[in-house]
């Protein structure tokens, strides 16, 4: 279900309906929170980062996605390679190299739940200036 919602978000983004895309991504992340497998989480995290490349916290979900890919031995498939590289390039271009690398490293250390919370935080109104190390409330 999360994968289908991620695809719908991609369509809304392509159509220019960012509000609908944000809502569908929130739903997809909510669905993913309930799932026992994280196979779709990497793509969702990358889509959220690409949607808000200017946000201070945008590189963190990329780090989380990278960590999930590494832990689950999930490569970037050839059919996904172009979107994957575009996403990283778009976010990297909005941040200095050191800032980007530091935020990606920070995202790499997040737990699954922290990564989802961080991505959900980016989807909230006014998230462009949110901190790079968003953590779930305790």
N, C-alpha and C. Protein backbone atom coordinates (compact mmCIF):
# COMPACT_ATOMS: atom_id res chain seq x y z
N UNK A 1 0.82 -1.19 0.00
CA UNK A 1 0.00 0.00 0.00
C UNK A 1 0.87 1.26 0.00
N UNK A 2 1.93 1.28 0.80
CA UNK A 2 2.80 2.45 0.87
C UNK A 2 3.44 2.73 -0.48
N UNK A 3 3.79 1.68 -1.21
CA UNK A 3 4.41 1.86 -2.53
C UNK A 3 3.43 2.51 -3.50
N UNK A 4 2.19 2.07 -3.49
CA UNK A 4 1.17 2.64 -4.36
C UNK A 4 0.95 4.10 -4.01
N UNK A 5 0.87 4.40 -2.72
CA UNK A 5 0.70 5.79 -2.30
C UNK A 5 1.91 6.64 -2.72
N UNK A 6 3.10 6.07 -2.65
CA UNK A 6 4.29 6.78 -3.11
C UNK A 6 4.22 7.10 -4.59
N UNK A 7 3.71 6.17 -5.38
CA UNK A 7 3.53 6.40 -6.82
C UNK A 7 2.48 7.48 -7.08
N UNK A 8 1.41 7.47 -6.31
CA UNK A 8 0.38 8.50 -6.44
C UNK A 8 0.96 9.87 -6.10
N UNK A 9 1.80 9.93 -5.07
CA UNK A 9 2.45 11.19 -4.71
C UNK A 9 3.33 11.70 -5.85
N UNK A 10 4.02 10.79 -6.51
CA UNK A 10 4.86 11.16 -7.66
C UNK A 10 3.99 11.76 -8.77
N UNK A 11 2.83 11.18 -8.99
CA UNK A 11 1.93 11.69 -10.03
C UNK A 11 1.43 13.08 -9.66
N UNK A 12 1.00 13.25 -8.41
CA UNK A 12 0.54 14.57 -7.96
C UNK A 12 1.65 15.62 -8.10
N UNK A 13 2.86 15.24 -7.76
CA UNK A 13 3.99 16.17 -7.88
C UNK A 13 4.19 16.55 -9.34
N UNK A 14 4.15 15.58 -10.23
CA UNK A 14 4.31 15.85 -11.66
C UNK A 14 3.21 16.75 -12.19
N UNK A 15 2.02 16.63 -11.62
CA UNK A 15 0.89 17.47 -12.03
C UNK A 15 0.92 18.85 -11.37
N UNK A 16 1.86 19.05 -10.45
CA UNK A 16 1.98 20.34 -9.78
C UNK A 16 1.11 20.50 -8.55
N UNK A 17 0.47 19.45 -8.09
CA UNK A 17 -0.38 19.52 -6.91
C UNK A 17 0.41 19.06 -5.68
N UNK A 18 1.25 19.96 -5.19
CA UNK A 18 2.14 19.62 -4.07
C UNK A 18 1.36 19.35 -2.78
N UNK A 19 0.24 20.03 -2.57
CA UNK A 19 -0.55 19.78 -1.36
C UNK A 19 -1.09 18.35 -1.34
N UNK A 20 -1.61 17.91 -2.48
CA UNK A 20 -2.12 16.53 -2.56
C UNK A 20 -0.96 15.54 -2.41
N UNK A 21 0.18 15.86 -3.02
CA UNK A 21 1.35 14.97 -2.91
C UNK A 21 1.80 14.86 -1.46
N UNK A 22 1.82 15.99 -0.74
CA UNK A 22 2.22 15.96 0.67
C UNK A 22 1.26 15.10 1.49
N UNK A 23 -0.05 15.26 1.24
CA UNK A 23 -1.03 14.48 1.99
C UNK A 23 -0.87 12.98 1.72
N UNK A 24 -0.68 12.63 0.47
CA UNK A 24 -0.52 11.21 0.12
C UNK A 24 0.77 10.67 0.74
N UNK A 25 1.84 11.45 0.75
CA UNK A 25 3.09 11.00 1.38
C UNK A 25 2.91 10.83 2.89
N UNK A 26 2.15 11.73 3.52
CA UNK A 26 1.85 11.56 4.96
C UNK A 26 1.11 10.24 5.18
N UNK A 27 0.12 9.97 4.32
CA UNK A 27 -0.63 8.71 4.43
C UNK A 27 0.29 7.51 4.21
N UNK A 28 1.17 7.62 3.22
CA UNK A 28 2.09 6.52 2.92
C UNK A 28 3.03 6.26 4.09
N UNK A 29 3.55 7.32 4.69
CA UNK A 29 4.44 7.15 5.85
C UNK A 29 3.68 6.58 7.04
N UNK A 30 2.42 7.00 7.21
CA UNK A 30 1.59 6.43 8.27
C UNK A 30 1.36 4.94 8.06
N UNK A 31 1.11 4.57 6.82
CA UNK A 31 0.95 3.15 6.47
C UNK A 31 2.25 2.40 6.73
N UNK A 32 3.35 3.02 6.37
CA UNK A 32 4.66 2.38 6.55
C UNK A 32 4.99 2.21 8.03
N UNK A 33 4.55 3.13 8.87
CA UNK A 33 4.78 2.99 10.32
C UNK A 33 4.16 1.70 10.84
N UNK A 34 3.02 1.30 10.27
CA UNK A 34 2.32 0.11 10.72
C UNK A 34 2.86 -1.18 10.09
N UNK A 35 3.66 -1.04 9.04
CA UNK A 35 4.16 -2.20 8.31
C UNK A 35 5.31 -2.86 9.06
N UNK A 36 5.47 -4.14 8.84
CA UNK A 36 6.57 -4.85 9.48
C UNK A 36 7.82 -4.89 8.59
N UNK A 37 7.66 -4.62 7.31
CA UNK A 37 8.80 -4.59 6.38
C UNK A 37 9.03 -3.16 5.90
N UNK A 38 10.28 -2.80 5.70
CA UNK A 38 10.62 -1.45 5.29
C UNK A 38 10.98 -1.33 3.82
N UNK A 39 10.56 -2.28 3.02
CA UNK A 39 10.95 -2.30 1.61
C UNK A 39 10.56 -1.02 0.88
N UNK A 40 9.48 -0.36 1.27
CA UNK A 40 9.03 0.85 0.58
C UNK A 40 9.49 2.14 1.27
N UNK A 41 10.02 2.02 2.46
CA UNK A 41 10.37 3.21 3.22
C UNK A 41 11.48 4.03 2.57
N UNK A 42 12.45 3.38 1.97
CA UNK A 42 13.56 4.13 1.37
C UNK A 42 13.04 5.10 0.30
N UNK A 43 12.20 4.62 -0.59
CA UNK A 43 11.66 5.48 -1.64
C UNK A 43 10.82 6.61 -1.09
N UNK A 44 10.05 6.34 -0.04
CA UNK A 44 9.24 7.40 0.56
C UNK A 44 10.11 8.49 1.17
N UNK A 45 11.16 8.08 1.88
CA UNK A 45 12.07 9.06 2.48
C UNK A 45 12.72 9.92 1.40
N UNK A 46 13.12 9.30 0.31
CA UNK A 46 13.75 10.04 -0.79
C UNK A 46 12.77 10.99 -1.45
N UNK A 47 11.52 10.58 -1.61
CA UNK A 47 10.50 11.46 -2.21
C UNK A 47 10.24 12.68 -1.33
N UNK A 48 10.20 12.47 -0.03
CA UNK A 48 9.98 13.59 0.89
C UNK A 48 11.13 14.58 0.80
N UNK A 49 12.35 14.08 0.80
CA UNK A 49 13.52 14.97 0.69
C UNK A 49 13.49 15.76 -0.61
N UNK A 50 13.14 15.09 -1.70
CA UNK A 50 13.09 15.76 -3.01
C UNK A 50 11.99 16.80 -3.07
N UNK A 51 10.94 16.60 -2.30
CA UNK A 51 9.83 17.55 -2.30
C UNK A 51 10.21 18.86 -1.60
N UNK A 52 11.15 18.78 -0.66
CA UNK A 52 11.56 19.95 0.12
C UNK A 52 13.09 20.09 0.14
N UNK A 53 13.72 20.24 -1.03
CA UNK A 53 15.18 20.26 -1.07
C UNK A 53 15.81 21.44 -0.32
N UNK A 54 15.07 22.54 -0.15
CA UNK A 54 15.59 23.72 0.54
C UNK A 54 15.62 23.56 2.06
N UNK A 55 14.83 22.64 2.59
CA UNK A 55 14.72 22.50 4.04
C UNK A 55 16.05 22.08 4.65
N UNK A 56 16.36 22.65 5.80
CA UNK A 56 17.60 22.30 6.49
C UNK A 56 17.67 20.80 6.77
N UNK A 57 16.51 20.18 7.00
CA UNK A 57 16.48 18.76 7.34
C UNK A 57 16.31 17.84 6.13
N UNK A 58 16.26 18.38 4.92
CA UNK A 58 16.04 17.55 3.74
C UNK A 58 17.10 16.46 3.54
N UNK A 59 18.39 16.72 3.80
CA UNK A 59 19.36 15.64 3.60
C UNK A 59 19.23 14.47 4.59
N UNK A 60 18.66 14.71 5.76
CA UNK A 60 18.58 13.65 6.77
C UNK A 60 17.80 12.43 6.29
N UNK A 61 16.62 12.60 5.68
CA UNK A 61 15.92 11.40 5.18
C UNK A 61 16.72 10.64 4.12
N UNK A 62 17.57 11.35 3.38
CA UNK A 62 18.42 10.66 2.42
C UNK A 62 19.42 9.76 3.13
N UNK A 63 19.96 10.24 4.25
CA UNK A 63 20.87 9.42 5.04
C UNK A 63 20.15 8.21 5.62
N UNK A 64 18.93 8.43 6.10
CA UNK A 64 18.14 7.32 6.65
C UNK A 64 17.83 6.29 5.57
N UNK A 65 17.47 6.78 4.37
CA UNK A 65 17.19 5.87 3.27
C UNK A 65 18.43 5.07 2.89
N UNK A 66 19.57 5.73 2.88
CA UNK A 66 20.83 5.05 2.57
C UNK A 66 21.13 3.97 3.59
N UNK A 67 20.92 4.29 4.86
CA UNK A 67 21.17 3.29 5.93
C UNK A 67 20.23 2.11 5.78
N UNK A 68 18.95 2.38 5.49
CA UNK A 68 17.99 1.29 5.30
C UNK A 68 18.37 0.41 4.11
N UNK A 69 18.80 1.05 3.02
CA UNK A 69 19.23 0.27 1.84
C UNK A 69 20.41 -0.63 2.19
N UNK A 70 21.34 -0.08 2.94
CA UNK A 70 22.53 -0.84 3.30
C UNK A 70 22.17 -2.01 4.22
N UNK A 71 21.36 -1.74 5.24
CA UNK A 71 21.00 -2.80 6.21
C UNK A 71 20.18 -3.91 5.56
N UNK A 72 19.34 -3.54 4.60
CA UNK A 72 18.47 -4.55 3.99
C UNK A 72 19.03 -5.10 2.68
N UNK A 73 20.23 -4.66 2.33
CA UNK A 73 20.87 -5.09 1.08
C UNK A 73 19.96 -4.82 -0.12
N UNK A 74 19.30 -3.64 -0.11
CA UNK A 74 18.40 -3.24 -1.19
C UNK A 74 19.10 -2.25 -2.09
N UNK A 75 19.52 -2.68 -3.25
CA UNK A 75 20.19 -1.75 -4.16
C UNK A 75 19.19 -0.79 -4.80
N UNK A 76 19.71 0.23 -5.43
CA UNK A 76 18.88 1.09 -6.25
C UNK A 76 18.77 0.38 -7.60
N UNK A 77 17.57 0.02 -7.97
CA UNK A 77 17.37 -0.72 -9.21
C UNK A 77 17.54 0.21 -10.42
N UNK A 78 17.96 -0.33 -11.54
CA UNK A 78 18.16 0.50 -12.73
C UNK A 78 16.96 1.36 -13.09
N UNK A 79 15.75 0.85 -12.93
CA UNK A 79 14.56 1.61 -13.25
C UNK A 79 14.36 2.81 -12.31
N UNK A 80 14.97 2.75 -11.13
CA UNK A 80 14.84 3.82 -10.13
C UNK A 80 16.05 4.75 -10.12
N UNK A 81 17.10 4.38 -10.80
CA UNK A 81 18.38 5.09 -10.73
C UNK A 81 18.26 6.58 -11.08
N UNK A 82 17.56 6.91 -12.15
CA UNK A 82 17.47 8.30 -12.59
C UNK A 82 16.77 9.17 -11.53
N UNK A 83 15.64 8.69 -11.01
CA UNK A 83 14.93 9.45 -9.98
C UNK A 83 15.78 9.57 -8.72
N UNK A 84 16.45 8.49 -8.35
CA UNK A 84 17.32 8.47 -7.16
C UNK A 84 18.42 9.53 -7.30
N UNK A 85 19.11 9.53 -8.42
CA UNK A 85 20.21 10.49 -8.63
C UNK A 85 19.70 11.92 -8.71
N UNK A 86 18.53 12.11 -9.34
CA UNK A 86 17.94 13.44 -9.42
C UNK A 86 17.60 13.97 -8.03
N UNK A 87 17.05 13.12 -7.21
CA UNK A 87 16.69 13.48 -5.83
C UNK A 87 17.92 13.94 -5.05
N UNK A 88 18.96 13.12 -5.07
CA UNK A 88 20.18 13.46 -4.34
C UNK A 88 20.81 14.74 -4.88
N UNK A 89 20.85 14.89 -6.20
CA UNK A 89 21.45 16.08 -6.81
C UNK A 89 20.66 17.33 -6.45
N UNK A 90 19.34 17.23 -6.44
CA UNK A 90 18.50 18.38 -6.13
C UNK A 90 18.71 18.84 -4.69
N UNK A 91 18.76 17.91 -3.77
CA UNK A 91 18.95 18.27 -2.36
C UNK A 91 20.38 18.76 -2.13
N UNK A 92 21.35 18.07 -2.70
CA UNK A 92 22.76 18.47 -2.54
C UNK A 92 22.99 19.89 -3.07
N UNK A 93 22.35 20.24 -4.17
CA UNK A 93 22.53 21.57 -4.78
C UNK A 93 22.03 22.69 -3.89
N UNK A 94 21.13 22.40 -2.98
CA UNK A 94 20.56 23.42 -2.10
C UNK A 94 21.33 23.59 -0.79
N UNK A 95 22.36 22.77 -0.60
CA UNK A 95 23.12 22.79 0.65
C UNK A 95 24.60 22.76 0.31
N UNK A 96 25.40 23.36 1.14
CA UNK A 96 26.84 23.25 0.96
C UNK A 96 27.26 21.81 1.15
N UNK A 97 28.39 21.44 0.57
CA UNK A 97 28.84 20.04 0.64
C UNK A 97 28.99 19.57 2.08
N UNK A 98 29.60 20.39 2.92
CA UNK A 98 29.81 19.99 4.32
C UNK A 98 28.48 19.89 5.06
N UNK A 99 27.60 20.85 4.85
CA UNK A 99 26.28 20.83 5.48
C UNK A 99 25.49 19.60 5.03
N UNK A 100 25.52 19.32 3.74
CA UNK A 100 24.81 18.16 3.18
C UNK A 100 25.35 16.87 3.80
N UNK A 101 26.66 16.70 3.77
CA UNK A 101 27.27 15.48 4.29
C UNK A 101 26.98 15.29 5.77
N UNK A 102 27.01 16.37 6.53
CA UNK A 102 26.74 16.30 7.97
C UNK A 102 25.29 15.89 8.23
N UNK A 103 24.35 16.48 7.48
CA UNK A 103 22.93 16.16 7.66
C UNK A 103 22.62 14.74 7.20
N UNK A 104 23.26 14.29 6.12
CA UNK A 104 23.07 12.90 5.67
C UNK A 104 23.59 11.95 6.74
N UNK A 105 24.76 12.26 7.29
CA UNK A 105 25.32 11.41 8.36
C UNK A 105 24.39 11.38 9.57
N UNK A 106 23.79 12.52 9.88
CA UNK A 106 22.84 12.58 10.99
C UNK A 106 21.63 11.67 10.70
N UNK A 107 21.13 11.72 9.48
CA UNK A 107 20.00 10.87 9.10
C UNK A 107 20.36 9.40 9.12
N UNK A 108 21.60 9.11 8.81
CA UNK A 108 22.09 7.72 8.79
C UNK A 108 21.96 7.08 10.17
N UNK A 109 22.06 7.88 11.22
CA UNK A 109 22.03 7.35 12.59
C UNK A 109 20.62 7.25 13.17
N UNK A 110 19.62 7.77 12.46
CA UNK A 110 18.26 7.74 13.00
C UNK A 110 17.70 6.33 13.01
N UNK A 111 16.89 6.05 14.00
CA UNK A 111 16.15 4.79 14.02
C UNK A 111 15.06 4.85 12.95
N UNK A 112 14.44 3.75 12.69
CA UNK A 112 13.34 3.69 11.72
C UNK A 112 12.25 4.69 12.09
N UNK A 113 11.81 4.68 13.35
CA UNK A 113 10.75 5.58 13.78
C UNK A 113 11.18 7.04 13.72
N UNK A 114 12.43 7.32 14.08
CA UNK A 114 12.93 8.68 13.98
C UNK A 114 12.98 9.15 12.53
N UNK A 115 13.36 8.26 11.63
CA UNK A 115 13.42 8.61 10.21
C UNK A 115 12.02 8.94 9.69
N UNK A 116 11.03 8.15 10.07
CA UNK A 116 9.66 8.41 9.64
C UNK A 116 9.18 9.73 10.23
N UNK A 117 9.44 9.95 11.51
CA UNK A 117 9.04 11.21 12.15
C UNK A 117 9.71 12.39 11.47
N UNK A 118 10.98 12.27 11.16
CA UNK A 118 11.72 13.34 10.49
C UNK A 118 11.09 13.65 9.14
N UNK A 119 10.73 12.62 8.39
CA UNK A 119 10.09 12.82 7.08
C UNK A 119 8.71 13.45 7.25
N UNK A 120 7.94 12.98 8.22
CA UNK A 120 6.63 13.57 8.48
C UNK A 120 6.76 15.04 8.86
N UNK A 121 7.79 15.37 9.62
CA UNK A 121 8.02 16.77 10.01
C UNK A 121 8.27 17.64 8.79
N UNK A 122 8.97 17.11 7.80
CA UNK A 122 9.23 17.87 6.58
C UNK A 122 7.96 18.15 5.79
N UNK A 123 6.96 17.32 5.96
CA UNK A 123 5.72 17.47 5.21
C UNK A 123 4.75 18.46 5.85
N UNK A 124 5.10 18.95 7.04
CA UNK A 124 4.25 19.91 7.73
C UNK A 124 4.45 21.31 7.15
N UNK A 125 3.41 22.15 7.19
CA UNK A 125 3.56 23.53 6.72
C UNK A 125 4.68 24.24 7.49
N UNK A 126 5.48 25.03 6.79
CA UNK A 126 6.57 25.76 7.42
C UNK A 126 7.78 24.91 7.73
N UNK A 127 7.86 23.73 7.17
CA UNK A 127 8.95 22.81 7.50
C UNK A 127 10.28 23.19 6.87
N UNK A 128 10.30 24.12 5.95
CA UNK A 128 11.54 24.46 5.24
C UNK A 128 12.64 24.88 6.19
N UNK A 129 12.29 25.47 7.32
CA UNK A 129 13.32 25.90 8.26
C UNK A 129 13.43 24.99 9.47
N UNK A 130 12.90 23.78 9.37
CA UNK A 130 12.95 22.87 10.51
C UNK A 130 14.37 22.38 10.75
N UNK A 131 14.69 22.01 12.00
CA UNK A 131 16.04 21.55 12.32
C UNK A 131 16.37 20.24 11.62
N UNK A 132 17.64 20.03 11.39
CA UNK A 132 18.08 18.84 10.67
C UNK A 132 18.01 17.57 11.49
N UNK A 133 17.83 17.68 12.77
CA UNK A 133 17.83 16.48 13.62
C UNK A 133 16.49 16.29 14.32
N UNK A 134 15.42 16.41 13.60
CA UNK A 134 14.09 16.23 14.19
C UNK A 134 13.98 14.84 14.77
N UNK A 135 13.47 14.77 15.98
CA UNK A 135 13.27 13.50 16.68
C UNK A 135 11.83 13.42 17.15
N UNK A 136 11.28 12.21 17.28
CA UNK A 136 9.92 12.09 17.76
C UNK A 136 9.80 12.56 19.21
N UNK A 137 8.63 13.07 19.59
CA UNK A 137 8.47 13.48 20.98
C UNK A 137 8.64 12.30 21.92
N UNK A 138 9.18 12.55 23.10
CA UNK A 138 9.38 11.47 24.07
C UNK A 138 8.33 11.51 25.14
